[in-house]
Amino acid sequence: LQQSISESEMQEMNAAAVFHRKSMGNIASDFLARRGFISKSSLSTSYIPDIFSKATRHLALTFLALIMAVMVAVPLGVLIYRNMTTGSIIIYLSGLLQTVPSIALLALMIPLFGIGVVPAVVALFLYALLPILRNTLTGLQAVDPKLKQVAEAMGMTHSQQLRWLELPLALPVIVAGIRTAAVINVGTATLAAFIGAGGLGEFIVTGLALNNTSMILRGAIQAALLAVVVEMVFELIQRRITPRYLRARQDET
């Protein structure tokens, strides 16, 4: 099709998108059918495959960055817990990243990594650090000092206390931080479409460019539903790993 679409044909297709609110898929399919590249009977007007494809990319961006953040933030939180003097500086720096607007952070990644998936994942990774790091530290600090004294009296080393006592008790709080980071990433990942990373944000970006409200809502509603689903899944995981006596205490409060 290179150099085979005339200016008038392109204007006609743009007008169909802007004024007649037709989807780009239908416009392109009609054009290809007129040129004889595809048959009219083979056209599909279903948006489901496109939504599924973009939602899959959206989740891939979100959870790739989330896994990277967990692998960095949890060990870093443990190190800060052992050495609080330098830990406050690290938490302060990670907090500064949260103050940077998400679209600005994505734009700052472009000179370093170009456009596409890599800068989007790096930006989402940086955004996910603080909730996981802070909750890891909070969970470890919230362990009852009496339990630590009992473990020390039993002859446990510091590493054994961390492995068998402190981390298991802090795990529900750590998962709460991961849950917060996941929901933040689902929302922020919609902006990744502005730098060519794909996802449900493509509907929003394209809808804004074409002034197509239905296309904007198609991306916004799906992203909102995805955030709700992720929130519910992590809530179930958090309740599952919370000890029964702590769940009972939380239900009472």
Protein backbone atom coordinates (compact mmCIF):
# COMPACT_ATOMS: atom_id res chain seq x y z
CA LEU A 1 0.00 0.00 0.00
CA GLN A 2 3.02 2.32 0.12
CA GLN A 3 2.30 5.54 -1.82
CA SER A 4 -0.92 3.98 -3.14
CA ILE A 5 -3.42 5.90 -0.95
CA SER A 6 -4.42 9.20 -2.48
CA GLU A 7 -4.88 12.38 -0.49
CA SER A 8 -8.61 12.40 -1.08
CA GLU A 9 -8.95 8.79 0.12
CA MET A 10 -7.02 9.59 3.29
CA GLN A 11 -9.20 12.65 3.92
CA GLU A 12 -12.29 10.52 3.42
CA MET A 13 -11.08 7.92 5.94
CA ASN A 14 -10.13 10.60 8.47
CA ALA A 15 -13.56 12.18 8.09
CA ALA A 16 -15.22 8.80 8.70
CA ALA A 17 -13.31 8.49 11.95
CA VAL A 18 -13.83 12.06 13.20
CA PHE A 19 -17.36 12.88 12.01
CA HIS A 20 -19.05 9.49 11.58
CA ARG A 21 -17.40 7.93 14.67
CA LYS A 22 -16.41 4.79 12.80
CA SER A 23 -13.63 2.70 14.29
CA MET A 24 -10.25 2.68 12.58
CA GLY A 25 -10.52 -1.10 12.19
CA ASN A 26 -13.77 -0.83 10.25
CA ILE A 27 -12.46 2.04 8.13
CA ALA A 28 -9.30 0.12 7.23
CA SER A 29 -11.30 -3.07 6.54
CA ASP A 30 -13.69 -1.23 4.22
CA PHE A 31 -10.76 0.31 2.35
CA LEU A 32 -9.01 -3.04 1.93
CA ALA A 33 -12.26 -4.64 0.77
CA ARG A 34 -12.73 -1.91 -1.87
CA ARG A 35 -9.19 -2.55 -3.11
CA GLY A 36 -9.86 -6.29 -3.28
CA PHE A 37 -7.27 -7.35 -0.70
CA ILE A 38 -9.90 -9.02 1.50
CA SER A 39 -13.46 -10.19 0.97
CA LYS A 40 -16.34 -8.35 2.58
CA SER A 41 -17.62 -11.57 4.12
CA SER A 42 -14.38 -12.06 6.05
CA LEU A 43 -14.65 -8.76 7.91
CA SER A 44 -15.18 -8.87 11.66
CA THR A 45 -16.62 -5.95 13.61
CA SER A 46 -15.83 -7.42 17.02
CA TYR A 47 -13.65 -5.31 19.29
CA ILE A 48 -12.97 -8.20 21.66
CA PRO A 49 -9.72 -9.47 20.03
CA ASP A 50 -8.27 -5.96 19.98
CA ILE A 51 -9.28 -5.30 23.60
CA PHE A 52 -7.88 -8.66 24.67
CA SER A 53 -4.59 -8.01 22.89
CA LYS A 54 -4.16 -4.56 24.43
CA ALA A 55 -5.22 -5.77 27.90
CA THR A 56 -2.63 -8.55 27.68
CA ARG A 57 0.09 -6.03 26.79
CA HIS A 58 -1.16 -3.78 29.62
CA LEU A 59 -0.86 -6.59 32.17
CA ALA A 60 2.54 -7.60 30.81
CA LEU A 61 3.89 -4.07 31.30
CA THR A 62 2.37 -3.86 34.78
CA PHE A 63 3.56 -7.17 36.15
CA LEU A 64 7.00 -7.16 34.54
CA ALA A 65 7.72 -3.86 36.28
CA LEU A 66 6.08 -5.15 39.48
CA ILE A 67 8.21 -8.30 39.60
CA MET A 68 11.36 -6.24 39.09
CA ALA A 69 10.28 -3.86 41.87
CA VAL A 70 9.63 -6.74 44.28
CA MET A 71 13.04 -8.27 43.55
CA VAL A 72 14.72 -4.95 44.36
CA ALA A 73 12.51 -3.36 47.05
CA VAL A 74 12.05 -6.33 49.39
CA PRO A 75 15.79 -7.11 49.83
CA LEU A 76 16.46 -3.37 50.04
CA GLY A 77 13.83 -3.05 52.76
CA VAL A 78 15.52 -5.82 54.72
CA LEU A 79 18.88 -4.06 54.42
CA ILE A 80 17.35 -0.78 55.58
CA TYR A 81 15.77 -2.59 58.52
CA ARG A 82 19.23 -3.79 59.55
CA ASN A 83 20.85 -0.39 59.01
CA MET A 84 18.43 2.50 59.57
CA THR A 85 21.10 5.22 59.36
CA THR A 86 21.41 4.98 55.58
CA GLY A 87 17.88 3.67 55.12
CA SER A 88 16.20 7.04 55.61
CA ILE A 89 18.18 8.45 52.67
CA ILE A 90 17.07 5.60 50.38
CA ILE A 91 13.42 6.00 51.39
CA TYR A 92 13.66 9.75 50.83
CA LEU A 93 15.08 9.25 47.33
CA SER A 94 12.43 6.69 46.41
CA GLY A 95 9.80 9.08 47.75
CA LEU A 96 11.09 11.79 45.43
CA LEU A 97 10.32 9.53 42.47
CA GLN A 98 6.66 9.45 43.53
CA THR A 99 6.48 13.24 43.40
CA VAL A 100 7.41 13.29 39.70
CA PRO A 101 4.24 13.26 37.54
CA SER A 102 3.90 9.95 35.73
CA ILE A 103 3.78 11.45 32.24
CA ALA A 104 6.91 13.49 33.04
CA LEU A 105 8.74 10.41 34.31
CA LEU A 106 7.83 8.53 31.12
CA ALA A 107 9.09 11.45 29.05
CA LEU A 108 12.37 11.49 31.01
CA MET A 109 12.93 7.85 30.07
CA ILE A 110 12.85 8.58 26.33
CA PRO A 111 16.34 10.16 26.08
CA LEU A 112 17.76 7.22 28.06
CA PHE A 113 15.95 4.25 26.53
CA GLY A 114 14.16 5.56 23.45
CA ILE A 115 10.47 4.78 22.93
CA GLY A 116 8.61 1.51 23.37
CA VAL A 117 8.35 -1.09 26.10
CA VAL A 118 11.72 -0.59 27.84
CA PRO A 119 11.24 3.03 29.02
CA ALA A 120 7.67 2.24 30.09
CA VAL A 121 8.76 -0.75 32.19
CA VAL A 122 11.60 1.24 33.78
CA ALA A 123 9.24 4.10 34.70
CA LEU A 124 6.65 1.70 36.15
CA PHE A 125 9.41 -0.07 38.07
CA LEU A 126 10.51 3.21 39.66
CA TYR A 127 6.92 4.07 40.58
CA ALA A 128 6.39 0.69 42.24
CA LEU A 129 9.49 0.88 44.46
CA LEU A 130 8.24 3.13 47.24
CA PRO A 131 5.05 1.29 48.32
CA ILE A 132 6.84 -2.07 48.43
CA LEU A 133 9.94 -0.68 50.12
CA ARG A 134 8.00 1.24 52.76
CA ASN A 135 5.65 -1.65 53.55
CA THR A 136 8.55 -4.09 53.81
CA LEU A 137 10.22 -1.85 56.37
CA THR A 138 6.95 -1.17 58.21
CA GLY A 139 6.10 -4.87 58.38
CA LEU A 140 9.48 -5.82 59.80
CA GLN A 141 9.40 -3.02 62.36
CA ALA A 142 5.89 -4.03 63.47
CA VAL A 143 6.99 -7.50 64.65
CA ASP A 144 6.46 -7.77 68.41
CA PRO A 145 9.81 -7.19 70.21
CA LYS A 146 8.87 -9.87 72.75
CA LEU A 147 8.79 -12.46 69.98
CA LYS A 148 12.26 -11.35 68.92
CA GLN A 149 13.49 -11.73 72.49
CA VAL A 150 12.02 -15.23 72.69
CA ALA A 151 13.68 -16.17 69.39
CA GLU A 152 17.00 -14.80 70.60
CA ALA A 153 16.64 -16.70 73.89
CA MET A 154 16.09 -19.89 71.89
CA GLY A 155 19.47 -19.34 70.25
CA MET A 156 18.32 -18.16 66.82
CA THR A 157 20.80 -16.12 64.81
CA HIS A 158 19.76 -12.83 63.19
CA SER A 159 19.36 -14.52 59.80
CA GLN A 160 17.23 -17.30 61.33
CA GLN A 161 15.04 -14.75 63.09
CA LEU A 162 14.57 -12.92 59.82
CA ARG A 163 13.76 -16.09 57.88
CA TRP A 164 11.52 -17.92 60.36
CA LEU A 165 9.97 -15.10 62.40
CA GLU A 166 10.17 -11.57 61.05
CA LEU A 167 9.56 -12.09 57.32
CA PRO A 168 6.59 -14.49 57.78
CA LEU A 169 4.91 -12.07 60.20
CA ALA A 170 5.67 -9.08 57.95
CA LEU A 171 4.48 -10.86 54.78
CA PRO A 172 0.84 -9.59 54.87
CA VAL A 173 2.07 -6.00 55.14
CA ILE A 174 4.59 -6.57 52.33
CA VAL A 175 1.85 -7.99 50.11
CA ALA A 176 -0.28 -4.93 50.91
CA GLY A 177 2.54 -2.78 49.52
CA ILE A 178 2.76 -4.96 46.40
CA ARG A 179 -1.00 -4.65 46.03
CA THR A 180 -0.79 -0.85 46.18
CA ALA A 181 2.07 -0.81 43.67
CA ALA A 182 0.13 -3.10 41.29
CA VAL A 183 -2.94 -0.85 41.27
CA ILE A 184 -0.77 2.25 40.76
CA ASN A 185 1.00 0.55 37.86
CA VAL A 186 -2.24 -0.46 36.16
CA GLY A 187 -3.32 3.18 36.14
CA THR A 188 0.08 4.57 35.15
CA ALA A 189 0.50 2.00 32.36
CA THR A 190 -2.32 3.67 30.42
CA LEU A 191 0.07 6.60 29.85
CA ALA A 192 2.69 4.24 28.41
CA ALA A 193 0.85 4.41 25.09
CA PHE A 194 2.09 7.98 24.70
CA ILE A 195 5.64 6.60 24.28
CA GLY A 196 4.67 3.70 22.03
CA ALA A 197 4.52 0.92 24.63
CA GLY A 198 0.98 -0.17 23.78
CA GLY A 199 -1.67 -1.31 26.21
CA LEU A 200 -5.18 -0.07 26.84
CA GLY A 201 -3.90 3.49 26.74
CA GLU A 202 -3.74 3.20 22.94
CA PHE A 203 -7.52 3.49 22.83
CA ILE A 204 -7.34 6.67 24.90
CA VAL A 205 -4.51 8.21 22.88
CA THR A 206 -6.18 7.41 19.56
CA GLY A 207 -9.56 8.59 20.81
CA LEU A 208 -8.10 11.91 21.91
CA ALA A 209 -6.39 12.35 18.53
CA LEU A 210 -9.62 11.62 16.64
CA ASN A 211 -11.96 13.29 19.15
CA ASN A 212 -13.71 9.92 19.46
CA THR A 213 -15.39 9.65 22.86
CA SER A 214 -16.44 6.02 22.45
CA MET A 215 -12.86 4.99 21.78
CA ILE A 216 -11.62 6.95 24.81
CA LEU A 217 -14.20 5.24 27.01
CA ARG A 218 -13.27 1.87 25.56
CA GLY A 219 -9.76 2.27 26.97
CA ALA A 220 -10.69 4.09 30.17
CA ILE A 221 -13.40 1.66 31.25
CA GLN A 222 -11.28 -1.41 30.51
CA ALA A 223 -8.33 0.06 32.43
CA ALA A 224 -10.58 0.86 35.40
CA LEU A 225 -12.05 -2.65 35.40
CA LEU A 226 -8.55 -4.11 35.18
CA ALA A 227 -7.46 -2.08 38.22
CA VAL A 228 -10.48 -3.35 40.19
CA VAL A 229 -9.74 -6.97 39.24
CA VAL A 230 -6.07 -6.62 40.22
CA GLU A 231 -7.10 -5.04 43.54
CA MET A 232 -9.51 -7.90 44.29
CA VAL A 233 -6.98 -10.60 43.38
CA PHE A 234 -4.32 -9.13 45.64
CA GLU A 235 -6.86 -8.67 48.43
CA LEU A 236 -7.64 -12.39 48.25
CA ILE A 237 -3.92 -13.23 48.28
CA GLN A 238 -3.34 -10.94 51.26
CA ARG A 239 -6.17 -12.53 53.24
CA ARG A 240 -4.94 -15.98 52.28
CA ILE A 241 -1.43 -15.46 53.66
CA THR A 242 -2.54 -13.53 56.77
CA PRO A 243 -2.49 -15.79 59.86
CA ARG A 244 -5.94 -16.78 61.09
CA TYR A 245 -5.64 -15.00 64.45
CA LEU A 246 -4.65 -11.75 62.69
CA ARG A 247 -7.59 -12.08 60.28
CA ALA A 248 -9.94 -12.50 63.23
CA ARG A 249 -8.48 -9.40 64.88
CA GLN A 250 -8.84 -7.38 61.67
CA ASP A 251 -12.46 -8.51 61.24
CA GLU A 252 -13.24 -7.36 64.80
CA THR A 253 -11.81 -3.92 64.14
